[in-house]
Amino acid sequence: MSYKYNKYVSFITVITLLLLILFFTNKVSKEVFLLLYVPLSIAMLIFGILVLKNALKDKEDIDLHATEIKRRLKNTMKKE
């Protein structure tokens, strides 16, 4: 579920980095920077919370995946 948010987070991050570069090179005024940066920050916060919430819900899936990896590792160690 969190994979669908990755493209949005990546897009927001790229836009934010471009905005920071423009601000530091004095291509964008302080007012325009704040006008764009604040909504981008809020969007990053919202998507971050959604991803964290989904990651905490998927703890059981993570545990199952970890036990599967451990089982495979033990099988490969026995073969050697």
Protein backbone atom coordinates (compact mmCIF):
# COMPACT_ATOMS: atom_id res chain seq x y z
CA MET A 1 0.00 0.00 0.00
CA SER A 2 2.81 2.40 0.78
CA TYR A 3 4.27 1.86 -2.69
CA LYS A 4 1.53 3.92 -4.26
CA TYR A 5 2.63 6.92 -2.21
CA ASN A 6 6.29 6.62 -3.22
CA LYS A 7 5.84 8.42 -6.53
CA TYR A 8 4.06 11.31 -4.83
CA VAL A 9 6.72 11.60 -2.13
CA SER A 10 9.46 11.49 -4.77
CA PHE A 11 7.72 14.16 -6.85
CA ILE A 12 7.23 16.43 -3.84
CA THR A 13 10.86 15.92 -2.79
CA VAL A 14 12.17 16.84 -6.24
CA ILE A 15 9.98 19.94 -6.40
CA THR A 16 11.09 20.96 -2.91
CA LEU A 17 14.77 20.52 -3.78
CA LEU A 18 14.36 22.57 -6.95
CA LEU A 19 12.58 25.25 -4.95
CA LEU A 20 15.40 25.31 -2.38
CA ILE A 21 18.01 25.62 -5.13
CA LEU A 22 16.10 28.49 -6.72
CA PHE A 23 15.75 30.19 -3.35
CA PHE A 24 19.43 29.88 -2.46
CA THR A 25 20.48 31.22 -5.86
CA ASN A 26 18.13 34.20 -5.38
CA LYS A 27 15.94 33.29 -8.36
CA VAL A 28 12.84 33.12 -6.13
CA SER A 29 11.79 35.72 -3.58
CA LYS A 30 11.25 34.87 0.05
CA GLU A 31 7.48 35.29 -0.26
CA VAL A 32 7.19 32.95 -3.24
CA PHE A 33 9.45 30.45 -1.52
CA LEU A 34 7.28 30.39 1.59
CA LEU A 35 4.09 30.31 -0.47
CA LEU A 36 5.28 27.14 -2.22
CA TYR A 37 7.36 25.56 0.55
CA VAL A 38 4.67 25.48 3.24
CA PRO A 39 2.13 23.45 1.21
CA LEU A 40 4.86 21.11 0.02
CA SER A 41 5.98 20.57 3.61
CA ILE A 42 2.44 19.85 4.74
CA ALA A 43 1.98 17.40 1.87
CA MET A 44 5.25 15.64 2.80
CA LEU A 45 4.06 15.41 6.39
CA ILE A 46 0.70 13.93 5.39
CA PHE A 47 2.24 11.34 3.06
CA GLY A 48 4.88 10.52 5.68
CA ILE A 49 2.19 9.86 8.27
CA LEU A 50 0.26 7.66 5.81
CA VAL A 51 3.36 5.62 4.97
CA LEU A 52 4.26 5.23 8.65
CA LYS A 53 0.68 4.22 9.49
CA ASN A 54 0.71 1.58 6.76
CA ALA A 55 4.13 0.33 7.82
CA LEU A 56 2.93 -0.14 11.38
CA LYS A 57 -0.17 -1.99 10.16
CA ASP A 58 1.96 -4.26 8.00
CA LYS A 59 4.09 -5.44 10.95
CA GLU A 60 2.62 -8.93 10.71
CA ASP A 61 3.54 -9.11 7.01
CA ILE A 62 7.05 -7.93 7.83
CA ASP A 63 7.39 -10.60 10.52
CA LEU A 64 6.20 -13.30 8.12
CA HIS A 65 8.63 -12.10 5.47
CA ALA A 66 11.49 -12.07 8.00
CA THR A 67 10.78 -15.64 9.09
CA GLU A 68 10.66 -16.70 5.44
CA ILE A 69 14.07 -15.12 4.82
CA LYS A 70 15.49 -16.81 7.94
CA ARG A 71 14.12 -20.16 6.78
CA ARG A 72 15.68 -19.75 3.35
CA LEU A 73 18.99 -18.70 4.89
CA LYS A 74 19.02 -21.79 7.10
CA ASN A 75 18.27 -24.02 4.10
CA THR A 76 21.12 -22.52 2.07
CA MET A 77 23.50 -22.87 5.03
CA LYS A 78 22.61 -26.55 5.37
CA LYS A 79 23.27 -27.17 1.67
CA GLU A 80 26.78 -25.76 1.96
